[in-house]
C-alpha atoms as a PDB file:
ATOM      1  CA  MET A   1      -0.410   1.107 -23.849  1.00  0.00           C
ATOM      2  CA  SER A   2      -2.277   0.194 -27.017  1.00  0.00           C
ATOM      3  CA  SER A   3      -1.556  -2.999 -28.903  1.00  0.00           C
ATOM      4  CA  ALA A   4      -1.131  -0.878 -32.037  1.00  0.00           C
ATOM      5  CA  GLU A   5       1.580   1.097 -30.317  1.00  0.00           C
ATOM      6  CA  SER A   6       3.598  -1.514 -28.494  1.00  0.00           C
ATOM      7  CA  THR A   7       5.118  -3.449 -31.406  1.00  0.00           C
ATOM      8  CA  GLY A   8       6.410  -2.813 -34.840  1.00  0.00           C
ATOM      9  CA  PRO A   9       7.641  -5.029 -37.675  1.00  0.00           C
ATOM     10  CA  ASP A  10      11.035  -5.368 -35.989  1.00  0.00           C
ATOM     11  CA  GLY A  11       9.806  -5.898 -32.428  1.00  0.00           C
ATOM     12  CA  PRO A  12       9.091  -3.412 -29.646  1.00  0.00           C
ATOM     13  CA  ARG A  13       9.084   0.209 -30.730  1.00  0.00           C
ATOM     14  CA  PRO A  14      11.399   2.682 -28.972  1.00  0.00           C
ATOM     15  CA  GLY A  15       9.558   4.395 -26.170  1.00  0.00           C
ATOM     16  CA  ALA A  16       6.622   2.027 -26.335  1.00  0.00           C
ATOM     17  CA  GLY A  17       4.942   1.301 -23.022  1.00  0.00           C
ATOM     18  CA  PRO A  18       2.936   3.055 -20.320  1.00  0.00           C
ATOM     19  CA  ARG A  19       3.204   6.804 -20.559  1.00  0.00           C
ATOM     20  CA  THR A  20       1.870   7.912 -17.206  1.00  0.00           C
ATOM     21  CA  GLY A  21       4.357   9.582 -14.880  1.00  0.00           C
ATOM     22  CA  ALA A  22       3.497   7.273 -12.013  1.00  0.00           C
ATOM     23  CA  ALA A  23       4.160   4.269 -14.204  1.00  0.00           C
ATOM     24  CA  LEU A  24       7.576   5.496 -15.259  1.00  0.00           C
ATOM     25  CA  ARG A  25       8.692   6.468 -11.776  1.00  0.00           C
ATOM     26  CA  GLY A  26       7.326   3.418  -9.986  1.00  0.00           C
ATOM     27  CA  ALA A  27       4.624   3.793  -7.365  1.00  0.00           C
ATOM     28  CA  GLY A  28       4.793   7.567  -6.926  1.00  0.00           C
ATOM     29  CA  PRO A  29       6.266   9.679  -4.119  1.00  0.00           C
ATOM     30  CA  SER A  30       7.979   7.915  -1.240  1.00  0.00           C
ATOM     31  CA  LEU A  31       5.724   7.454   1.759  1.00  0.00           C
ATOM     32  CA  THR A  32       8.346   6.130   4.142  1.00  0.00           C
ATOM     33  CA  ARG A  33       8.383   9.467   5.996  1.00  0.00           C
ATOM     34  CA  PHE A  34       4.916   8.625   7.292  1.00  0.00           C
ATOM     35  CA  ALA A  35       6.142   5.236   8.508  1.00  0.00           C
ATOM     36  CA  TRP A  36       8.977   6.963  10.378  1.00  0.00           C
ATOM     37  CA  LEU A  37       6.369   9.237  11.966  1.00  0.00           C
ATOM     38  CA  SER A  38       4.449   6.161  13.100  1.00  0.00           C
ATOM     39  CA  ILE A  39       7.613   4.631  14.551  1.00  0.00           C
ATOM     40  CA  ALA A  40       8.391   7.823  16.467  1.00  0.00           C
ATOM     41  CA  ALA A  41       4.842   7.922  17.837  1.00  0.00           C
ATOM     42  CA  ALA A  42       5.045   4.272  18.931  1.00  0.00           C
ATOM     43  CA  VAL A  43       8.328   4.820  20.786  1.00  0.00           C
ATOM     44  CA  THR A  44       6.937   7.932  22.487  1.00  0.00           C
ATOM     45  CA  THR A  45       3.677   6.304  23.557  1.00  0.00           C
ATOM     46  CA  ILE A  46       5.407   3.162  24.820  1.00  0.00           C
ATOM     47  CA  GLY A  47       7.467   5.305  27.184  1.00  0.00           C
ATOM     48  CA  LEU A  48       4.457   7.297  28.357  1.00  0.00           C
ATOM     49  CA  LYS A  49       2.188   4.297  28.844  1.00  0.00           C
ATOM     50  CA  MET A  50       4.794   2.240  30.648  1.00  0.00           C
ATOM     51  CA  ALA A  51       5.292   5.204  32.962  1.00  0.00           C
ATOM     52  CA  ALA A  52       1.516   5.390  33.512  1.00  0.00           C
ATOM     53  CA  TRP A  53       1.401   1.653  34.307  1.00  0.00           C
ATOM     54  CA  GLY A  54       4.336   1.989  36.688  1.00  0.00           C
ATOM     55  CA  LEU A  55       2.536   4.783  38.523  1.00  0.00           C
ATOM     56  CA  THR A  56      -0.831   3.058  38.812  1.00  0.00           C
ATOM     57  CA  GLY A  57      -0.351  -0.697  38.514  1.00  0.00           C
ATOM     58  CA  SER A  58      -3.487  -0.745  36.323  1.00  0.00           C
ATOM     59  CA  VAL A  59      -3.827  -3.827  34.115  1.00  0.00           C
ATOM     60  CA  GLY A  60      -5.706  -1.666  31.651  1.00  0.00           C
ATOM     61  CA  LEU A  61      -2.742   0.693  31.334  1.00  0.00           C
ATOM     62  CA  LEU A  62      -0.385  -2.278  31.025  1.00  0.00           C
ATOM     63  CA  SER A  63      -2.548  -3.661  28.203  1.00  0.00           C
ATOM     64  CA  ASP A  64      -2.463  -0.259  26.570  1.00  0.00           C
ATOM     65  CA  ALA A  65       1.342  -0.235  26.740  1.00  0.00           C
ATOM     66  CA  LEU A  66       1.529  -3.741  25.282  1.00  0.00           C
ATOM     67  CA  GLU A  67      -0.554  -2.640  22.315  1.00  0.00           C
ATOM     68  CA  SER A  68       1.883   0.216  21.685  1.00  0.00           C
ATOM     69  CA  VAL A  69       4.726  -2.317  21.525  1.00  0.00           C
ATOM     70  CA  VAL A  70       2.723  -4.133  18.843  1.00  0.00           C
ATOM     71  CA  ASN A  71       2.258  -0.760  17.125  1.00  0.00           C
ATOM     72  CA  LEU A  72       6.023  -0.317  16.973  1.00  0.00           C
ATOM     73  CA  VAL A  73       6.566  -3.703  15.353  1.00  0.00           C
ATOM     74  CA  ALA A  74       3.764  -3.002  12.870  1.00  0.00           C
ATOM     75  CA  ALA A  75       5.213   0.422  12.009  1.00  0.00           C
ATOM     76  CA  VAL A  76       8.600  -1.139  11.244  1.00  0.00           C
ATOM     77  CA  VAL A  77       6.928  -3.712   8.972  1.00  0.00           C
ATOM     78  CA  THR A  78       5.061  -0.876   7.235  1.00  0.00           C
ATOM     79  CA  LEU A  79       8.329   1.011   6.707  1.00  0.00           C
ATOM     80  CA  LEU A  80       9.945  -2.023   5.077  1.00  0.00           C
ATOM     81  CA  MET A  81       6.951  -2.787   2.854  1.00  0.00           C
ATOM     82  CA  LEU A  82       6.499   0.837   1.744  1.00  0.00           C
ATOM     83  CA  GLY A  83      10.146   0.884   0.691  1.00  0.00           C
ATOM     84  CA  LEU A  84       9.609  -2.283  -1.345  1.00  0.00           C
ATOM     85  CA  ALA A  85       6.328  -1.063  -2.855  1.00  0.00           C
ATOM     86  CA  ALA A  86       8.003   2.146  -4.063  1.00  0.00           C
ATOM     87  CA  ARG A  87      10.430   0.248  -6.296  1.00  0.00           C
ATOM     88  CA  ALA A  88       9.968   0.774 -10.020  1.00  0.00           C
ATOM     89  CA  PRO A  89       8.845  -2.141 -12.211  1.00  0.00           C
ATOM     90  CA  ASP A  90      11.584  -4.368 -13.583  1.00  0.00           C
ATOM     91  CA  GLU A  91      11.849  -7.303 -15.965  1.00  0.00           C
ATOM     92  CA  GLU A  92      10.977  -9.795 -13.230  1.00  0.00           C
ATOM     93  CA  HIS A  93       8.148  -7.703 -11.758  1.00  0.00           C
ATOM     94  CA  ALA A  94       6.658  -5.904 -14.749  1.00  0.00           C
ATOM     95  CA  TYR A  95       3.605  -4.783 -12.762  1.00  0.00           C
ATOM     96  CA  GLY A  96       5.661  -3.322  -9.943  1.00  0.00           C
ATOM     97  CA  TYR A  97       5.875  -4.148  -6.266  1.00  0.00           C
ATOM     98  CA  GLY A  98       2.704  -2.404  -5.097  1.00  0.00           C
ATOM     99  CA  LYS A  99       1.173  -5.482  -3.485  1.00  0.00           C
ATOM    100  CA  ALA A 100       3.851  -5.330  -0.810  1.00  0.00           C
ATOM    101  CA  GLU A 101       1.493  -2.801   0.823  1.00  0.00           C
ATOM    102  CA  ASN A 102      -1.081  -5.551   1.215  1.00  0.00           C
ATOM    103  CA  PHE A 103       1.434  -7.627   3.150  1.00  0.00           C
ATOM    104  CA  ALA A 104       1.984  -4.645   5.434  1.00  0.00           C
ATOM    105  CA  GLY A 105      -1.768  -4.297   5.911  1.00  0.00           C
ATOM    106  CA  GLY A 106      -2.114  -7.990   6.651  1.00  0.00           C
ATOM    107  CA  ALA A 107       0.635  -7.727   9.245  1.00  0.00           C
ATOM    108  CA  GLU A 108      -1.106  -4.706  10.790  1.00  0.00           C
ATOM    109  CA  GLY A 109      -4.411  -6.549  11.064  1.00  0.00           C
ATOM    110  CA  SER A 110      -2.757  -9.656  12.481  1.00  0.00           C
ATOM    111  CA  MET A 111      -0.902  -7.611  15.075  1.00  0.00           C
ATOM    112  CA  ILE A 112      -4.102  -5.881  16.109  1.00  0.00           C
ATOM    113  CA  LEU A 113      -5.517  -9.331  16.822  1.00  0.00           C
ATOM    114  CA  VAL A 114      -2.357 -10.195  18.774  1.00  0.00           C
ATOM    115  CA  ALA A 115      -2.765  -6.998  20.804  1.00  0.00           C
ATOM    116  CA  ALA A 116      -6.380  -7.909  21.529  1.00  0.00           C
ATOM    117  CA  GLY A 117      -5.225 -11.311  22.748  1.00  0.00           C
ATOM    118  CA  LEU A 118      -2.616  -9.747  25.046  1.00  0.00           C
ATOM    119  CA  ILE A 119      -5.195  -7.346  26.465  1.00  0.00           C
ATOM    120  CA  ALA A 120      -7.679 -10.159  27.073  1.00  0.00           C
ATOM    121  CA  TYR A 121      -5.046 -12.365  28.708  1.00  0.00           C
ATOM    122  CA  THR A 122      -3.842  -9.720  31.163  1.00  0.00           C
ATOM    123  CA  ALA A 123      -7.421  -8.640  31.885  1.00  0.00           C
ATOM    124  CA  ILE A 124      -8.529 -12.178  32.735  1.00  0.00           C
ATOM    125  CA  GLU A 125      -5.554 -12.570  35.072  1.00  0.00           C
ATOM    126  CA  ARG A 126      -6.430  -9.350  36.877  1.00  0.00           C
ATOM    127  CA  LEU A 127     -10.111 -10.312  36.967  1.00  0.00           C
ATOM    128  CA  GLN A 128      -9.144 -13.416  38.920  1.00  0.00           C
ATOM    129  CA  ALA A 129      -6.842 -11.464  41.226  1.00  0.00           C
ATOM    130  CA  PRO A 130      -8.082  -7.855  41.565  1.00  0.00           C
ATOM    131  CA  ALA A 131      -5.542  -5.254  42.696  1.00  0.00           C
ATOM    132  CA  ALA A 132      -5.761  -1.666  43.817  1.00  0.00           C
ATOM    133  CA  ILE A 133      -4.847   1.183  41.480  1.00  0.00           C
ATOM    134  CA  ASP A 134      -2.351   3.742  42.785  1.00  0.00           C
ATOM    135  CA  GLN A 135      -1.977   7.392  41.749  1.00  0.00           C
ATOM    136  CA  ALA A 136      -4.854   6.942  39.309  1.00  0.00           C
ATOM    137  CA  TRP A 137      -5.241  10.559  38.229  1.00  0.00           C
ATOM    138  CA  LEU A 138      -1.534  11.050  37.555  1.00  0.00           C
ATOM    139  CA  GLY A 139      -1.427   7.872  35.532  1.00  0.00           C
ATOM    140  CA  LEU A 140      -4.494   8.943  33.574  1.00  0.00           C
ATOM    141  CA  GLY A 141      -2.869  12.265  32.719  1.00  0.00           C
ATOM    142  CA  VAL A 142       0.185  10.518  31.287  1.00  0.00           C
ATOM    143  CA  SER A 143      -1.970   8.048  29.358  1.00  0.00           C
ATOM    144  CA  ALA A 144      -4.122  10.852  27.956  1.00  0.00           C
ATOM    145  CA  GLY A 145      -0.984  12.557  26.637  1.00  0.00           C
ATOM    146  CA  ALA A 146       0.027   9.346  24.864  1.00  0.00           C
ATOM    147  CA  SER A 147      -3.467   9.032  23.375  1.00  0.00           C
ATOM    148  CA  LEU A 148      -3.283  12.545  21.987  1.00  0.00           C
ATOM    149  CA  VAL A 149      -0.005  11.698  20.236  1.00  0.00           C
ATOM    150  CA  ASN A 150      -1.592   8.600  18.702  1.00  0.00           C
ATOM    151  CA  LEU A 151      -4.701  10.485  17.629  1.00  0.00           C
ATOM    152  CA  VAL A 152      -2.735  13.154  15.761  1.00  0.00           C
ATOM    153  CA  VAL A 153      -0.498  10.598  14.036  1.00  0.00           C
ATOM    154  CA  ALA A 154      -3.439   8.301  13.206  1.00  0.00           C
ATOM    155  CA  ARG A 155      -5.338  11.114  11.516  1.00  0.00           C
ATOM    156  CA  THR A 156      -2.191  12.067   9.598  1.00  0.00           C
ATOM    157  CA  LEU A 157      -1.680   8.500   8.380  1.00  0.00           C
ATOM    158  CA  LEU A 158      -5.324   8.027   7.392  1.00  0.00           C
ATOM    159  CA  SER A 159      -5.301  11.292   5.448  1.00  0.00           C
ATOM    160  CA  ALA A 160      -2.051  10.379   3.691  1.00  0.00           C
ATOM    161  CA  GLY A 161      -3.362   6.881   2.963  1.00  0.00           C
ATOM    162  CA  ARG A 162      -6.447   8.274   1.231  1.00  0.00           C
ATOM    163  CA  ARG A 163      -4.487  10.956  -0.590  1.00  0.00           C
ATOM    164  CA  TYR A 164      -1.831   8.599  -1.947  1.00  0.00           C
ATOM    165  CA  ARG A 165      -4.059   5.504  -2.200  1.00  0.00           C
ATOM    166  CA  SER A 166      -1.795   3.642   0.200  1.00  0.00           C
ATOM    167  CA  PHE A 167      -3.374   0.613   1.845  1.00  0.00           C
ATOM    168  CA  ALA A 168      -0.396   0.224   4.190  1.00  0.00           C
ATOM    169  CA  LEU A 169      -0.715   3.755   5.568  1.00  0.00           C
ATOM    170  CA  GLU A 170      -4.468   3.438   5.996  1.00  0.00           C
ATOM    171  CA  ALA A 171      -4.015   0.139   7.834  1.00  0.00           C
ATOM    172  CA  ASP A 172      -1.390   1.712  10.095  1.00  0.00           C
ATOM    173  CA  GLY A 173      -3.706   4.663  10.727  1.00  0.00           C
ATOM    174  CA  HIS A 174      -6.576   2.351  11.657  1.00  0.00           C
ATOM    175  CA  HIS A 175      -4.200   0.422  13.893  1.00  0.00           C
ATOM    176  CA  LEU A 176      -3.271   3.585  15.780  1.00  0.00           C
ATOM    177  CA  MET A 177      -6.946   4.533  16.046  1.00  0.00           C
ATOM    178  CA  THR A 178      -7.612   1.206  17.786  1.00  0.00           C
ATOM    179  CA  ASP A 179      -4.875   2.220  20.212  1.00  0.00           C
ATOM    180  CA  VAL A 180      -6.667   5.528  20.779  1.00  0.00           C
ATOM    181  CA  TRP A 181      -9.953   3.746  21.512  1.00  0.00           C
ATOM    182  CA  THR A 182      -8.127   1.316  23.778  1.00  0.00           C
ATOM    183  CA  SER A 183      -6.686   4.248  25.710  1.00  0.00           C
ATOM    184  CA  VAL A 184     -10.097   5.885  25.983  1.00  0.00           C
ATOM    185  CA  GLY A 185     -11.521   2.675  27.414  1.00  0.00           C
ATOM    186  CA  VAL A 186      -8.640   2.355  29.853  1.00  0.00           C
ATOM    187  CA  VAL A 187      -8.995   5.961  31.020  1.00  0.00           C
ATOM    188  CA  VAL A 188     -12.694   5.384  31.632  1.00  0.00           C
ATOM    189  CA  ALA A 189     -11.935   2.162  33.520  1.00  0.00           C
ATOM    190  CA  VAL A 190      -9.232   3.635  35.746  1.00  0.00           C
ATOM    191  CA  ALA A 191     -11.317   6.710  36.480  1.00  0.00           C
ATOM    192  CA  ALA A 192     -14.322   4.525  37.333  1.00  0.00           C
ATOM    193  CA  VAL A 193     -12.216   2.395  39.687  1.00  0.00           C
ATOM    194  CA  ALA A 194     -10.803   5.511  41.342  1.00  0.00           C
ATOM    195  CA  LEU A 195     -14.300   6.886  41.872  1.00  0.00           C
ATOM    196  CA  THR A 196     -16.129   3.682  42.861  1.00  0.00           C
ATOM    197  CA  GLY A 197     -13.407   1.516  44.362  1.00  0.00           C
ATOM    198  CA  TRP A 198     -14.685  -1.488  42.364  1.00  0.00           C
ATOM    199  CA  GLN A 199     -11.383  -3.034  41.277  1.00  0.00           C
ATOM    200  CA  ARG A 200     -12.855  -5.599  38.891  1.00  0.00           C
ATOM    201  CA  LEU A 201     -14.157  -2.783  36.691  1.00  0.00           C
ATOM    202  CA  ASP A 202     -10.623  -2.255  35.363  1.00  0.00           C
ATOM    203  CA  PRO A 203     -10.200  -5.747  33.770  1.00  0.00           C
ATOM    204  CA  ILE A 204     -13.861  -5.883  32.697  1.00  0.00           C
ATOM    205  CA  ILE A 205     -13.507  -2.737  30.589  1.00  0.00           C
ATOM    206  CA  ALA A 206     -10.141  -4.004  29.291  1.00  0.00           C
ATOM    207  CA  LEU A 207     -11.949  -7.121  28.005  1.00  0.00           C
ATOM    208  CA  MET A 208     -14.598  -4.963  26.337  1.00  0.00           C
ATOM    209  CA  VAL A 209     -11.874  -2.925  24.634  1.00  0.00           C
ATOM    210  CA  ALA A 210     -10.181  -6.133  23.412  1.00  0.00           C
ATOM    211  CA  ALA A 211     -13.444  -7.378  21.898  1.00  0.00           C
ATOM    212  CA  ASN A 212     -13.974  -4.036  20.163  1.00  0.00           C
ATOM    213  CA  ILE A 213     -10.582  -3.893  18.449  1.00  0.00           C
ATOM    214  CA  VAL A 214     -10.830  -7.487  17.189  1.00  0.00           C
ATOM    215  CA  TRP A 215     -13.314  -6.252  14.579  1.00  0.00           C
ATOM    216  CA  THR A 216     -10.831  -3.697  13.229  1.00  0.00           C
ATOM    217  CA  GLY A 217      -8.141  -6.370  12.960  1.00  0.00           C
ATOM    218  CA  VAL A 218     -10.423  -8.774  11.104  1.00  0.00           C
ATOM    219  CA  ARG A 219     -11.532  -6.029   8.705  1.00  0.00           C
ATOM    220  CA  ILE A 220      -7.944  -5.037   7.846  1.00  0.00           C
ATOM    221  CA  VAL A 221      -6.856  -8.649   7.298  1.00  0.00           C
ATOM    222  CA  ARG A 222      -9.850  -9.207   5.022  1.00  0.00           C
ATOM    223  CA  SER A 223      -9.140  -6.075   2.939  1.00  0.00           C
ATOM    224  CA  SER A 224      -5.495  -7.073   2.657  1.00  0.00           C
ATOM    225  CA  ALA A 225      -6.399 -10.533   1.374  1.00  0.00           C
ATOM    226  CA  LEU A 226      -8.844  -9.110  -1.181  1.00  0.00           C
ATOM    227  CA  GLY A 227      -6.142  -6.775  -2.469  1.00  0.00           C
ATOM    228  CA  LEU A 228      -3.854  -9.744  -3.116  1.00  0.00           C
ATOM    229  CA  LEU A 229      -6.625 -11.310  -5.235  1.00  0.00           C
ATOM    230  CA  ASP A 230      -6.511  -8.586  -7.919  1.00  0.00           C
ATOM    231  CA  ARG A 231      -9.583  -6.767  -6.689  1.00  0.00           C
ATOM    232  CA  ALA A 232     -11.297  -4.357  -9.111  1.00  0.00           C
ATOM    233  CA  TRP A 233     -10.939  -0.590  -8.714  1.00  0.00           C
ATOM    234  CA  PRO A 234     -12.891   1.160  -5.931  1.00  0.00           C
ATOM    235  CA  PRO A 235     -16.433   2.313  -6.865  1.00  0.00           C
ATOM    236  CA  ASP A 236     -15.503   5.986  -7.329  1.00  0.00           C
ATOM    237  CA  GLU A 237     -12.699   5.137  -9.744  1.00  0.00           C
ATOM    238  CA  LEU A 238     -14.909   2.678 -11.646  1.00  0.00           C
ATOM    239  CA  ALA A 239     -17.554   5.394 -11.993  1.00  0.00           C
ATOM    240  CA  ALA A 240     -14.960   7.806 -13.397  1.00  0.00           C
ATOM    241  CA  LEU A 241     -13.796   5.143 -15.875  1.00  0.00           C
ATOM    242  CA  ARG A 242     -17.339   4.366 -17.032  1.00  0.00           C
ATOM    243  CA  LYS A 243     -17.992   8.067 -17.587  1.00  0.00           C
ATOM    244  CA  VAL A 244     -14.985   8.317 -19.883  1.00  0.00           C
ATOM    245  CA  LEU A 245     -15.924   5.195 -21.848  1.00  0.00           C
ATOM    246  CA  ALA A 246     -19.509   6.413 -22.246  1.00  0.00           C
ATOM    247  CA  GLY A 247     -18.145   9.411 -24.156  1.00  0.00           C
ATOM    248  CA  TYR A 248     -17.290   7.227 -27.174  1.00  0.00           C
ATOM    249  CA  PRO A 249     -20.508   6.679 -29.199  1.00  0.00           C
ATOM    250  CA  GLU A 250     -21.097   4.237 -32.051  1.00  0.00           C
ATOM    251  CA  PRO A 251     -19.605   2.979 -34.266  1.00  0.00           C
ATOM    252  CA  VAL A 252     -16.940   2.674 -31.539  1.00  0.00           C
ATOM    253  CA  GLN A 253     -17.671  -0.062 -29.010  1.00  0.00           C
ATOM    254  CA  ILE A 254     -15.696  -0.822 -25.875  1.00  0.00           C
ATOM    255  CA  HIS A 255     -16.000  -4.087 -24.003  1.00  0.00           C
ATOM    256  CA  ALA A 256     -14.048  -6.658 -21.953  1.00  0.00           C
ATOM    257  CA  VAL A 257     -13.064  -3.925 -19.500  1.00  0.00           C
ATOM    258  CA  ARG A 258     -10.934  -5.360 -16.697  1.00  0.00           C
ATOM    259  CA  THR A 259      -9.543  -3.365 -13.797  1.00  0.00           C
ATOM    260  CA  ARG A 260      -7.218  -4.293 -10.952  1.00  0.00           C
ATOM    261  CA  GLU A 261      -5.152  -2.513  -8.344  1.00  0.00           C
ATOM    262  CA  SER A 262      -1.684  -3.241  -7.046  1.00  0.00           C
ATOM    263  CA  GLY A 263      -0.937  -1.044  -4.063  1.00  0.00           C
ATOM    264  CA  ARG A 264      -1.114   2.518  -5.365  1.00  0.00           C
ATOM    265  CA  ARG A 265      -0.905   1.441  -9.003  1.00  0.00           C
ATOM    266  CA  ARG A 266      -3.993   1.028 -11.194  1.00  0.00           C
ATOM    267  CA  PHE A 267      -4.264  -1.180 -14.270  1.00  0.00           C
ATOM    268  CA  VAL A 268      -7.097  -1.437 -16.801  1.00  0.00           C
ATOM    269  CA  SER A 269      -7.418  -3.390 -20.035  1.00  0.00           C
ATOM    270  CA  MET A 270     -10.181  -3.125 -22.633  1.00  0.00           C
ATOM    271  CA  HIS A 271     -11.077  -4.081 -26.193  1.00  0.00           C
ATOM    272  CA  VAL A 272     -11.892  -1.203 -28.549  1.00  0.00           C
ATOM    273  CA  VAL A 273     -14.032  -2.271 -31.520  1.00  0.00           C
ATOM    274  CA  VAL A 274     -14.005   0.020 -34.597  1.00  0.00           C
ATOM    275  CA  PRO A 275     -15.129  -0.341 -38.252  1.00  0.00           C
ATOM    276  CA  GLY A 276     -12.743  -2.563 -40.211  1.00  0.00           C
ATOM    277  CA  GLU A 277     -12.438   0.071 -42.919  1.00  0.00           C
ATOM    278  CA  TRP A 278     -10.621   2.408 -40.528  1.00  0.00           C
ATOM    279  CA  THR A 279      -6.913   2.805 -41.124  1.00  0.00           C
ATOM    280  CA  ILE A 280      -4.436   1.671 -38.495  1.00  0.00           C
ATOM    281  CA  ALA A 281      -3.492   5.305 -37.984  1.00  0.00           C
ATOM    282  CA  ARG A 282      -7.102   6.295 -37.241  1.00  0.00           C
ATOM    283  CA  GLY A 283      -7.603   3.435 -34.788  1.00  0.00           C
ATOM    284  CA  HIS A 284      -4.291   4.195 -33.150  1.00  0.00           C
ATOM    285  CA  ALA A 285      -5.244   7.857 -32.723  1.00  0.00           C
ATOM    286  CA  LEU A 286      -8.520   6.807 -31.070  1.00  0.00           C
ATOM    287  CA  VAL A 287      -6.943   4.489 -28.505  1.00  0.00           C
ATOM    288  CA  GLU A 288      -4.222   7.050 -27.774  1.00  0.00           C
ATOM    289  CA  GLU A 289      -6.932   9.598 -26.972  1.00  0.00           C
ATOM    290  CA  LEU A 290      -8.850   7.022 -24.909  1.00  0.00           C
ATOM    291  CA  GLU A 291      -5.783   6.091 -22.860  1.00  0.00           C
ATOM    292  CA  ARG A 292      -5.019   9.733 -22.110  1.00  0.00           C
ATOM    293  CA  ALA A 293      -8.639  10.369 -21.090  1.00  0.00           C
ATOM    294  CA  VAL A 294      -8.658   7.449 -18.622  1.00  0.00           C
ATOM    295  CA  ALA A 295      -5.280   8.385 -17.126  1.00  0.00           C
ATOM    296  CA  ALA A 296      -6.541  11.950 -16.671  1.00  0.00           C
ATOM    297  CA  VAL A 297      -9.459  10.929 -14.427  1.00  0.00           C
ATOM    298  CA  VAL A 298      -7.754   8.091 -12.529  1.00  0.00           C
ATOM    299  CA  GLU A 299      -4.313   9.301 -11.576  1.00  0.00           C
ATOM    300  CA  GLY A 300      -1.503   6.994 -12.629  1.00  0.00           C
ATOM    301  CA  ALA A 301      -3.799   4.537 -14.416  1.00  0.00           C
ATOM    302  CA  ILE A 302      -1.928   2.251 -16.812  1.00  0.00           C
ATOM    303  CA  VAL A 303      -4.222   1.497 -19.743  1.00  0.00           C
ATOM    304  CA  ASP A 304      -3.876  -1.490 -22.079  1.00  0.00           C
ATOM    305  CA  THR A 305      -6.116  -1.391 -25.171  1.00  0.00           C
ATOM    306  CA  HIS A 306      -6.727  -4.023 -27.837  1.00  0.00           C
ATOM    307  CA  LEU A 307      -8.100  -2.852 -31.194  1.00  0.00           C
ATOM    308  CA  GLU A 308     -10.627  -5.118 -32.983  1.00  0.00           C
ATOM    309  CA  PRO A 309     -12.669  -4.882 -36.232  1.00  0.00           C
ATOM    310  CA  LEU A 310     -16.416  -4.426 -35.922  1.00  0.00           C
ATOM    311  CA  GLU A 311     -17.231  -6.853 -38.752  1.00  0.00           C
ATOM    312  CA  ASP A 312     -15.366  -9.872 -37.318  1.00  0.00           C
ATOM    313  CA  PRO A 313     -17.557 -12.096 -35.067  1.00  0.00           C
ATOM    314  CA  ALA A 314     -14.422 -13.071 -33.146  1.00  0.00           C
ATOM    315  CA  SER A 315     -14.307  -9.508 -31.835  1.00  0.00           C
ATOM    316  CA  PHE A 316     -17.350 -10.308 -29.691  1.00  0.00           C
ATOM    317  CA  ALA A 317     -16.406 -13.846 -28.694  1.00  0.00           C
ATOM    318  CA  ASP A 318     -13.778 -12.867 -26.139  1.00  0.00           C
ATOM    319  CA  THR A 319     -15.757 -10.790 -23.649  1.00  0.00           C
ATOM    320  CA  ALA A 320     -16.275 -13.452 -20.972  1.00  0.00           C
ATOM    321  CA  LEU A 321     -14.484 -13.017 -17.673  1.00  0.00           C
ATOM    322  CA  ASP A 322     -12.789 -16.366 -18.093  1.00  0.00           C
ATOM    323  CA  ARG A 323     -11.471 -16.435 -21.673  1.00  0.00           C
ATOM    324  CA  THR A 324      -9.676 -19.776 -21.409  1.00  0.00           C
END
């Protein structure tokens, strides 16, 4: 909203405030249906993988099942946080609840690390006390079915996360993809043991899988933390914003552009410098047009503009990042 628009001589003007649909409705369409899909997938794969472990006795398949239990807990956390993030702004949380998605992502990343620890622990135990694998091919068939379920759901979550700019869904999708890669490693290990008879190959590959998924967990935790620190818009959205601003030639000048993201919501503030001889109505019309142009290229963007006179030196003394 523009500073010229938000207040009048008697206080806030009726209807003043962000005009984008996403801003008025909260964080956009509910995404909890995707979290329920993730929960259903976790329950299904837990049953399948536990059955595969019961058939084979493979520590790799047991580790795989343990990771699916972690997936279930993470999916429930995602469901709760998506419900919170979808709440509309209120007087106490004027910028909405979007950052709840970052908490969900942080939980996902942390649980991936927990799963890696569980896999490593069980693998080391089995490495010290190797055991034969029974009914390997039947167990592999069951595990492969569980992996297919996870793959389909992971791709669905990643696609939805990109489409709706949901960090929580993307984190959950990446989490499920680590489960897929874990299952692939386990299948390879069990098949190799069945073919070679070398029992220690099962826990060795389980340890390799654990090391591989640690990286995904660390990356998700890092992204989650950065999101809580009011990170700037992604590069593609910044490029779209700069293109819009470049369309306003002199005498108009635009500076002190600040962007941040909160879950699926996008916020940007800027100072618009115009000749002092312009009327308030003319300046107001300009910033109204500017706000609409930005919101058109970055869906749901909430734009805050501050109008300043070109002739006043103070208009150029407040562009530093830290204005205190």
